Amino acid sequence: MSSHYCLFPLFFLTLSTLSHSSSSSYLKLPLLPGTTLPHTLAASLRRPQSPLTSGAATGSGQYFADLRLGSPPQRLLLVADTGSDLVWVKCSACRNCSKTRSTFLPRHSSSFSLTHCYDSLCQLVPHPQPQHCNNRSRTHTPCHYQYSYADSSTTRGLFSKETTTFNTATITNITFGCGFKTSGPSVTGSSFNGAQGVLGLGRGPISFTSQLARKFGNTFSYCLLDYTLSPPPKSYLTIGSPPNDTVSRSYTPLLTNPFSPSFYYITILRVSVDAVNLKIDPSVWRIDANGNGGTVVDSGTTLTFLAEPAYRLLLAAFRRRLRLPAVDAAAFGFDLCVNVSATARPRLPRLRFRLAGKAVLSPPAGNYFIEPVEGVKCLAVQPVRPGSGFSVMGNLMQQGYLFEFDLDRSRIGFSRRGCAVR
């Protein structure tokens, strides 16, 4: 989840049961819009499986991981988020609660355990009251954590360990935040509807992908298909590299921002509209000495956000090229909306991003125009004020592409091929 939330929310150490990765070992997780959850095993070995579903049914522009946590397993839907690290779930301490989907109930699980404050794991997440851990009581004091997002939303609770179940496989000692208090729009607002927590897929040591890296490799990929379609198309999250993967990709280098090391930064070189390059100063895309700027690829943010100087030029270019009746965009929270009700196939300008590494992302118009009501299309890009954060390529802009995060080679690959067959 990034720092931008006007319409939506954002979005461990090696597991003790995992061994070194092999070329034939990978984890394939279905991503399905709607509520249908498939049970297809992708590899010849017995591997964990956790479906991901779209939040469209609850009014959220997120993709949810279907996580089975505890013994016996309790089903939880977590926002799949490359913009954060922590895996956390909403927890309840009550003894006699019924097993609802609203929270995780530690008392109903025989495999739940707390991480104590003397444990080295406790140093991997921010915790608000380190004075609780003192020389006399530290062996009996649980690890308190507080994890904050860029809009000051927070989750607080106890850093814990649990067992997860993926189809036929069971993995022990997953470390996660058992959250007893959440606050802020990102984790309590209407766009978080349907979620019981966040599955952090960032670059840090406490993320879900980092926990699985030794077994499945330090690579993961996903396809995010249109969650508004009916019937819902199949989408996938894959952890590791399938040995029979033949999809050709374009690659762009990953950058590291020392102020925000968990984010997946890429470099935008040029932006064009209908093949005309916008006159954007290259400095707009750089990460400055204070860690501001740059561009982050984030599955937990729905829309795309661009640095304001670039956004203003982009908006002006779209306005010049659109030949459709204007609609009051402010009513929908955007700067540009048009009426397409009289046109079966409206002509919308083509957007293209040229990235470092000679990679070009040229998404279809449906990735940057959304239809808030029938017959109206709005430009689904918004500005970032100078000095207030970074540009974000959200999950809507990524739809229909296979995105690969290759951390061993420090690069992101993408392709318009491969989503339907993986």
Protein backbone atom coordinates (compact mmCIF):
# COMPACT_ATOMS: atom_id res chain seq x y z
CA MET A 1 0.00 0.00 0.00
CA SER A 2 1.41 3.33 -0.93
CA SER A 3 0.90 6.81 0.42
CA HIS A 4 -2.20 7.48 -1.71
CA TYR A 5 -5.66 6.58 -0.43
CA CYS A 6 -8.29 8.97 -1.71
CA LEU A 7 -10.57 6.23 -3.03
CA PHE A 8 -9.08 3.05 -1.65
CA PRO A 9 -6.67 1.61 0.95
CA LEU A 10 -3.17 1.09 0.08
CA PHE A 11 -2.09 -3.13 -0.74
CA PHE A 12 9.71 -13.21 8.08
CA LEU A 13 12.50 -14.84 8.51
CA THR A 14 12.98 -18.17 6.74
CA LEU A 15 10.33 -20.67 7.79
CA SER A 16 11.68 -23.45 9.95
CA THR A 17 10.11 -26.14 7.75
CA LEU A 18 11.60 -24.92 4.45
CA SER A 19 14.76 -26.07 2.74
CA HIS A 20 16.92 -24.67 -0.05
CA SER A 21 15.12 -23.98 -3.30
CA SER A 22 15.19 -26.27 -6.30
CA SER A 23 14.44 -25.52 -9.92
CA SER A 24 11.30 -27.65 -9.88
CA SER A 25 9.79 -26.10 -6.77
CA TYR A 26 7.40 -23.20 -7.00
CA LEU A 27 4.12 -22.07 -5.53
CA LYS A 28 1.20 -21.13 -7.75
CA LEU A 29 -1.70 -19.26 -6.16
CA PRO A 30 -4.91 -18.65 -8.11
CA LEU A 31 -6.15 -15.06 -8.31
CA LEU A 32 -9.86 -14.93 -9.04
CA PRO A 33 -12.15 -11.93 -9.22
CA GLY A 34 -15.43 -12.59 -7.46
CA THR A 35 -15.90 -15.34 -4.89
CA THR A 36 -15.03 -18.49 -6.84
CA LEU A 37 -12.01 -20.22 -5.33
CA PRO A 38 -10.28 -22.88 -7.49
CA HIS A 39 -8.36 -25.83 -6.09
CA THR A 40 -5.85 -26.58 -8.86
CA LEU A 41 -2.34 -27.66 -7.94
CA ALA A 42 0.17 -26.24 -10.40
CA ALA A 43 3.29 -28.30 -9.87
CA SER A 44 4.18 -31.95 -9.66
CA LEU A 45 5.26 -31.64 -6.02
CA ARG A 46 2.82 -31.12 -3.15
CA ARG A 47 2.92 -27.39 -2.66
CA PRO A 48 0.94 -24.85 -0.65
CA GLN A 49 -1.95 -23.12 -2.36
CA SER A 50 -3.85 -19.99 -1.34
CA PRO A 51 -6.37 -18.47 -3.73
CA LEU A 52 -6.55 -14.73 -4.27
CA THR A 53 -9.86 -13.08 -5.09
CA SER A 54 -10.96 -9.63 -6.16
CA GLY A 55 -12.53 -7.26 -3.67
CA ALA A 56 -14.97 -6.00 -6.29
CA ALA A 57 -17.91 -7.69 -4.57
CA THR A 58 -17.28 -5.56 -1.48
CA GLY A 59 -16.59 -2.33 -3.39
CA SER A 60 -12.81 -2.61 -3.02
CA GLY A 61 -10.26 -2.31 -5.81
CA GLN A 62 -7.99 -4.84 -4.11
CA TYR A 63 -6.97 -8.44 -4.64
CA PHE A 64 -7.38 -10.67 -1.61
CA ALA A 65 -5.25 -13.62 -0.52
CA ASP A 66 -7.26 -16.49 0.92
CA LEU A 67 -5.09 -17.46 3.89
CA ARG A 68 -5.87 -20.47 6.11
CA LEU A 69 -4.30 -19.75 9.49
CA GLY A 70 -4.22 -21.85 12.66
CA SER A 71 -5.06 -25.41 13.76
CA PRO A 72 -7.77 -26.10 12.78
CA PRO A 73 -7.49 -23.59 9.90
CA GLN A 74 -9.43 -20.34 10.06
CA ARG A 75 -10.13 -18.70 6.68
CA LEU A 76 -9.02 -15.06 6.31
CA LEU A 77 -8.97 -12.70 3.32
CA LEU A 78 -5.90 -10.46 3.26
CA VAL A 79 -5.03 -7.62 0.87
CA ALA A 80 -2.16 -8.80 -1.37
CA ASP A 81 0.21 -5.84 -1.11
CA THR A 82 3.64 -5.35 -2.71
CA GLY A 83 3.77 -1.93 -1.01
CA SER A 84 4.30 -3.25 2.54
CA ASP A 85 6.11 -6.03 4.39
CA LEU A 86 4.15 -7.09 7.43
CA VAL A 87 1.69 -9.99 7.31
CA TRP A 88 -1.01 -9.15 9.85
CA VAL A 89 -4.56 -10.17 10.65
CA LYS A 90 -7.30 -8.75 12.84
CA CYS A 91 -7.36 -10.76 16.05
CA SER A 92 -9.84 -11.25 18.87
CA ALA A 93 -8.97 -12.34 22.40
CA CYS A 94 -12.46 -13.47 23.42
CA ARG A 95 -12.87 -17.08 24.49
CA ASN A 96 -16.41 -17.80 23.38
CA CYS A 97 -16.59 -15.98 20.03
CA SER A 98 -18.17 -17.87 17.17
CA LYS A 99 -15.83 -18.55 14.28
CA THR A 100 -16.72 -15.68 12.00
CA ARG A 101 -14.66 -14.34 9.12
CA SER A 102 -14.25 -10.95 10.77
CA THR A 103 -11.23 -11.82 12.94
CA PHE A 104 -8.68 -14.49 13.74
CA LEU A 105 -9.30 -16.21 17.07
CA PRO A 106 -5.94 -17.30 18.59
CA ARG A 107 -7.67 -19.18 21.43
CA HIS A 108 -9.30 -21.47 18.88
CA SER A 109 -5.91 -22.55 17.46
CA SER A 110 -3.67 -25.18 19.06
CA SER A 111 -0.63 -24.04 17.05
CA PHE A 112 -0.70 -20.32 17.92
CA SER A 113 2.30 -18.98 19.84
CA LEU A 114 3.65 -15.57 20.75
CA THR A 115 7.03 -14.16 19.80
CA HIS A 116 8.72 -12.97 22.99
CA CYS A 117 10.48 -9.66 23.28
CA TYR A 118 13.93 -11.25 23.68
CA ASP A 119 13.53 -13.10 20.36
CA SER A 120 15.53 -11.66 17.46
CA LEU A 121 12.31 -11.72 15.41
CA CYS A 122 10.94 -8.97 17.65
CA GLN A 123 13.57 -6.58 16.31
CA LEU A 124 12.23 -6.88 12.76
CA VAL A 125 9.00 -4.94 13.31
CA PRO A 126 8.49 -1.56 15.00
CA HIS A 127 7.02 -1.96 18.46
CA PRO A 128 5.69 1.03 20.41
CA GLN A 129 6.74 0.17 23.96
CA PRO A 130 10.21 -1.40 24.03
CA GLN A 131 10.39 -0.59 27.75
CA HIS A 132 8.05 -3.55 28.28
CA CYS A 133 11.04 -5.72 27.54
CA ASN A 134 13.38 -5.52 30.52
CA ASN A 135 16.00 -7.77 32.03
CA ARG A 136 13.74 -9.19 34.73
CA SER A 137 10.61 -10.04 32.73
CA ARG A 138 11.72 -10.32 29.13
CA THR A 139 11.42 -14.11 28.98
CA HIS A 140 7.72 -13.79 29.80
CA THR A 141 6.90 -10.62 27.87
CA PRO A 142 5.35 -10.91 24.41
CA CYS A 143 6.63 -8.86 21.50
CA HIS A 144 4.44 -5.79 20.99
CA TYR A 145 4.44 -4.27 17.52
CA GLN A 146 3.12 -1.15 15.83
CA TYR A 147 3.16 -0.96 12.03
CA SER A 148 2.33 2.30 10.28
CA TYR A 149 1.40 3.15 6.70
CA ALA A 150 2.14 6.41 4.91
CA ASP A 151 -1.28 7.94 5.64
CA SER A 152 -0.70 7.33 9.39
CA SER A 153 -2.97 4.28 9.45
CA THR A 154 -1.67 1.75 11.96
CA THR A 155 -2.06 -1.79 13.18
CA ARG A 156 -1.01 -2.67 16.73
CA GLY A 157 -0.83 -5.99 18.50
CA LEU A 158 1.41 -8.96 19.26
CA PHE A 159 4.00 -10.39 16.89
CA SER A 160 3.17 -14.10 16.71
CA LYS A 161 3.76 -17.46 15.02
CA GLU A 162 1.25 -19.77 13.40
CA THR A 163 0.69 -22.65 11.04
CA THR A 164 -0.74 -22.02 7.60
CA THR A 165 -2.47 -24.56 5.38
CA PHE A 166 -2.31 -24.39 1.57
CA ASN A 167 -4.40 -27.14 0.02
CA THR A 168 -2.40 -30.30 0.89
CA ALA A 169 0.63 -28.60 2.47
CA THR A 170 1.14 -27.25 5.98
CA ILE A 171 3.80 -24.69 6.86
CA THR A 172 4.70 -23.98 10.47
CA ASN A 173 6.14 -20.92 12.19
CA ILE A 174 4.78 -18.22 9.92
CA THR A 175 5.49 -14.98 11.75
CA PHE A 176 2.76 -12.37 11.57
CA GLY A 177 1.12 -9.52 13.43
CA CYS A 178 -1.90 -10.47 15.51
CA GLY A 179 -3.58 -7.07 15.45
CA PHE A 180 -5.87 -6.06 18.31
CA LYS A 181 -6.16 -2.41 17.30
CA THR A 182 -6.30 -0.76 13.88
CA SER A 183 -6.83 2.88 12.99
CA GLY A 184 -6.80 5.09 9.91
CA PRO A 185 -8.51 5.05 6.50
CA SER A 186 -6.23 2.48 4.87
CA VAL A 187 -7.15 -0.33 7.26
CA THR A 188 -10.60 0.67 8.53
CA GLY A 189 -12.21 2.56 5.62
CA SER A 190 -14.89 1.35 3.25
CA SER A 191 -12.36 0.31 0.64
CA PHE A 192 -10.90 -2.19 3.13
CA ASN A 193 -14.27 -3.97 3.20
CA GLY A 194 -13.98 -7.72 3.01
CA ALA A 195 -10.37 -7.85 4.25
CA GLN A 196 -9.20 -9.18 7.61
CA GLY A 197 -5.63 -7.95 7.24
CA VAL A 198 -2.73 -7.49 4.82
CA LEU A 199 -0.40 -10.00 3.15
CA GLY A 200 2.83 -8.00 2.79
CA LEU A 201 4.77 -8.92 -0.37
CA GLY A 202 7.45 -6.23 -0.07
CA ARG A 203 11.24 -6.54 -0.13
CA GLY A 204 11.79 -6.57 3.64
CA PRO A 205 12.70 -9.60 5.81
CA ILE A 206 9.23 -9.96 7.37
CA SER A 207 7.26 -10.18 4.13
CA PHE A 208 5.44 -13.32 3.03
CA THR A 209 7.64 -13.69 -0.06
CA SER A 210 10.84 -13.32 1.99
CA GLN A 211 9.68 -16.12 4.27
CA LEU A 212 9.22 -18.46 1.33
CA ALA A 213 12.33 -17.44 -0.62
CA ARG A 214 14.64 -20.26 0.49
CA LYS A 215 12.17 -22.93 -0.59
CA PHE A 216 10.74 -21.44 -3.76
CA GLY A 217 13.38 -18.91 -4.80
CA ASN A 218 13.63 -15.14 -4.57
CA THR A 219 11.20 -14.51 -7.43
CA PHE A 220 7.45 -14.10 -7.62
CA SER A 221 5.00 -13.07 -10.30
CA TYR A 222 1.32 -12.38 -10.77
CA CYS A 223 -1.37 -11.62 -13.30
CA LEU A 224 -4.12 -9.24 -12.24
CA LEU A 225 -7.08 -9.65 -14.56
CA ASP A 226 -10.15 -7.43 -14.78
CA TYR A 227 -12.13 -7.93 -11.57
CA THR A 228 -15.28 -6.34 -13.05
CA LEU A 229 -15.84 -9.07 -15.65
CA SER A 230 -18.43 -11.80 -15.28
CA PRO A 231 -17.71 -14.67 -15.18
CA PRO A 232 -14.44 -13.81 -13.48
CA PRO A 233 -11.25 -14.68 -15.39
CA LYS A 234 -8.50 -16.66 -13.72
CA SER A 235 -5.52 -14.78 -12.30
CA TYR A 236 -2.46 -16.12 -10.52
CA LEU A 237 0.24 -15.29 -8.03
CA THR A 238 3.29 -17.54 -8.41
CA ILE A 239 6.13 -17.68 -5.88
CA GLY A 240 9.27 -19.10 -7.47
CA SER A 241 10.07 -19.69 -11.14
CA PRO A 242 8.21 -22.51 -12.97
CA PRO A 243 10.79 -24.62 -14.85
CA ASN A 244 8.70 -24.71 -18.05
CA ASP A 245 8.21 -20.94 -18.22
CA THR A 246 8.69 -19.78 -21.83
CA VAL A 247 6.99 -16.36 -21.67
CA SER A 248 9.15 -13.59 -23.13
CA ARG A 249 9.24 -10.46 -20.95
CA SER A 250 10.52 -6.91 -21.05
CA TYR A 251 12.69 -6.12 -18.02
CA THR A 252 13.40 -2.91 -16.18
CA PRO A 253 15.92 -2.61 -13.32
CA LEU A 254 14.77 -2.36 -9.73
CA LEU A 255 16.06 0.60 -7.72
CA THR A 256 16.56 0.71 -3.96
CA ASN A 257 15.60 3.76 -1.94
CA PRO A 258 17.49 3.65 1.38
CA PHE A 259 14.67 5.64 2.99
CA SER A 260 12.04 3.13 1.81
CA PRO A 261 13.90 -0.13 1.17
CA SER A 262 10.76 -2.30 1.05
CA PHE A 263 9.27 -0.70 -2.08
CA TYR A 264 9.74 -1.89 -5.67
CA TYR A 265 11.08 1.22 -7.42
CA ILE A 266 11.45 1.49 -11.19
CA THR A 267 12.67 4.31 -13.45
CA ILE A 268 10.34 6.10 -15.89
CA LEU A 269 12.30 7.75 -18.71
CA ARG A 270 9.54 9.12 -20.92
CA VAL A 271 5.76 9.25 -21.14
CA SER A 272 3.86 9.68 -24.40
CA VAL A 273 0.22 10.18 -25.37
CA ASP A 274 -0.69 9.05 -28.89
CA ALA A 275 3.03 8.63 -29.63
CA VAL A 276 3.82 12.26 -28.71
CA ASN A 277 6.40 12.51 -25.92
CA LEU A 278 5.43 14.79 -23.05
CA LYS A 279 8.04 17.42 -22.16
CA ILE A 280 8.60 16.22 -18.62
CA ASP A 281 11.85 17.21 -16.92
CA PRO A 282 13.78 13.98 -16.15
CA SER A 283 14.34 15.17 -12.58
CA VAL A 284 10.61 14.64 -11.94
CA TRP A 285 11.16 10.87 -11.90
CA ARG A 286 14.30 10.77 -9.72
CA ILE A 287 14.59 9.84 -6.06
CA ASP A 288 16.02 12.90 -4.31
CA ALA A 289 18.51 13.09 -1.43
CA ASN A 290 15.65 12.96 1.10
CA GLY A 291 14.14 9.80 -0.40
CA ASN A 292 11.23 11.59 -2.10
CA GLY A 293 10.23 10.91 -5.68
CA GLY A 294 10.73 7.85 -7.83
CA THR A 295 8.06 5.40 -9.00
CA VAL A 296 6.79 2.37 -7.10
CA VAL A 297 4.98 -0.69 -8.50
CA ASP A 298 2.24 -1.41 -5.94
CA SER A 299 -0.42 -4.13 -6.11
CA GLY A 300 -2.17 -2.68 -3.05
CA THR A 301 -2.98 0.69 -4.64
CA THR A 302 -5.75 0.76 -7.22
CA LEU A 303 -5.17 3.91 -9.28
CA THR A 304 -1.93 5.25 -10.73
CA PHE A 305 -0.40 8.39 -9.23
CA LEU A 306 2.14 10.58 -11.03
CA ALA A 307 4.32 13.41 -9.77
CA GLU A 308 2.29 16.59 -10.23
CA PRO A 309 4.43 18.22 -12.99
CA ALA A 310 4.11 15.04 -15.07
CA TYR A 311 0.43 14.64 -14.24
CA ARG A 312 -0.48 18.16 -15.37
CA LEU A 313 1.18 17.62 -18.76
CA LEU A 314 -0.51 14.23 -19.09
CA LEU A 315 -3.93 15.68 -18.22
CA ALA A 316 -3.52 18.51 -20.74
CA ALA A 317 -2.52 16.05 -23.47
CA PHE A 318 -5.59 13.89 -22.85
CA ARG A 319 -7.89 16.91 -22.87
CA ARG A 320 -6.50 18.05 -26.23
CA ARG A 321 -7.03 14.65 -27.84
CA LEU A 322 -10.42 13.60 -26.49
CA ARG A 323 -13.33 14.32 -28.84
CA LEU A 324 -16.10 13.24 -26.49
CA PRO A 325 -18.55 15.30 -24.40
CA ALA A 326 -17.10 16.33 -21.04
CA VAL A 327 -18.77 15.30 -17.78
CA ASP A 328 -18.46 16.91 -14.34
CA ALA A 329 -15.37 14.99 -13.22
CA ALA A 330 -15.36 16.41 -9.70
CA ALA A 331 -18.56 14.50 -8.98
CA PHE A 332 -16.57 11.27 -9.35
CA GLY A 333 -13.36 12.47 -7.66
CA PHE A 334 -11.36 12.85 -10.88
CA ASP A 335 -10.09 15.66 -13.10
CA LEU A 336 -11.23 14.31 -16.47
CA CYS A 337 -14.41 12.39 -17.36
CA VAL A 338 -16.24 12.00 -20.67
CA ASN A 339 -19.63 10.74 -21.82
CA VAL A 340 -19.26 7.61 -23.96
CA SER A 341 -22.91 6.53 -23.98
CA ALA A 342 -23.44 7.50 -27.62
CA THR A 343 -20.36 5.67 -28.90
CA ALA A 344 -20.08 1.89 -29.07
CA ARG A 345 -16.26 1.97 -29.30
CA PRO A 346 -15.05 5.35 -28.03
CA ARG A 347 -11.64 6.42 -29.21
CA LEU A 348 -9.41 7.05 -26.18
CA PRO A 349 -5.80 8.31 -26.38
CA ARG A 350 -3.01 5.77 -26.03
CA LEU A 351 -0.66 6.06 -23.07
CA ARG A 352 2.89 4.71 -23.12
CA PHE A 353 5.67 4.55 -20.51
CA ARG A 354 9.28 4.10 -21.61
CA LEU A 355 11.26 2.60 -18.72
CA ALA A 356 14.93 2.03 -17.99
CA GLY A 357 16.36 -1.06 -19.63
CA LYS A 358 14.63 -0.33 -22.96
CA ALA A 359 11.33 -1.64 -21.60
CA VAL A 360 8.06 -0.12 -22.84
CA LEU A 361 4.73 -0.43 -21.03
CA SER A 362 1.87 0.37 -23.40
CA PRO A 363 -1.32 -0.59 -21.55
CA PRO A 364 -4.80 -0.74 -23.10
CA ALA A 365 -7.11 2.20 -22.36
CA GLY A 366 -9.07 0.11 -19.86
CA ASN A 367 -6.04 0.20 -17.57
CA TYR A 368 -6.19 3.97 -17.14
CA PHE A 369 -9.85 4.81 -17.87
CA ILE A 370 -12.50 3.49 -15.50
CA GLU A 371 -16.29 3.60 -15.71
CA PRO A 372 -17.68 4.86 -12.37
CA VAL A 373 -21.21 4.79 -13.81
CA GLU A 374 -22.56 3.41 -17.05
CA GLY A 375 -21.75 5.64 -20.01
CA VAL A 376 -19.03 7.67 -18.25
CA LYS A 377 -15.29 7.06 -18.40
CA CYS A 378 -12.77 8.86 -16.19
CA LEU A 379 -9.01 9.13 -16.37
CA ALA A 380 -7.86 6.89 -13.49
CA VAL A 381 -4.63 8.76 -12.85
CA GLN A 382 -4.15 11.31 -10.07
CA PRO A 383 -1.38 13.71 -8.99
CA VAL A 384 1.22 13.54 -6.26
CA ARG A 385 2.20 16.90 -4.79
CA PRO A 386 5.93 17.79 -5.03
CA GLY A 387 7.88 16.60 -2.00
CA SER A 388 4.97 14.61 -0.59
CA GLY A 389 5.81 11.13 -1.77
CA PHE A 390 6.38 9.13 -4.93
CA SER A 391 4.65 8.10 -8.12
CA VAL A 392 2.75 4.81 -8.01
CA MET A 393 1.84 2.33 -10.73
CA GLY A 394 -1.30 0.81 -9.22
CA ASN A 395 -2.99 -2.52 -9.82
CA LEU A 396 -5.43 -1.13 -12.40
CA MET A 397 -2.52 -0.09 -14.66
CA GLN A 398 -1.04 -3.58 -14.22
CA GLN A 399 -4.15 -5.52 -15.26
CA GLY A 400 -3.73 -7.99 -18.08
CA TYR A 401 0.04 -8.21 -17.67
CA LEU A 402 2.23 -10.91 -16.23
CA PHE A 403 4.47 -9.04 -13.75
CA GLU A 404 7.59 -10.81 -12.47
CA PHE A 405 9.60 -9.55 -9.46
CA ASP A 406 13.08 -11.05 -9.81
CA LEU A 407 14.97 -10.05 -6.69
CA ASP A 408 18.07 -12.13 -7.42
CA ARG A 409 18.65 -10.11 -10.59
CA SER A 410 17.10 -6.92 -9.15
CA ARG A 411 14.59 -6.41 -11.96
CA ILE A 412 10.89 -6.42 -12.80
CA GLY A 413 9.67 -8.10 -15.97
CA PHE A 414 6.30 -7.79 -17.65
CA SER A 415 4.48 -9.26 -20.62
CA ARG A 416 1.02 -9.14 -22.18
CA ARG A 417 1.36 -12.90 -22.67
CA GLY A 418 1.14 -15.62 -20.08
CA CYS A 419 -1.76 -14.64 -17.83
CA ALA A 420 -4.39 -16.98 -19.26
CA VAL A 421 -2.23 -20.10 -19.30
CA ARG A 422 -0.17 -19.89 -16.08
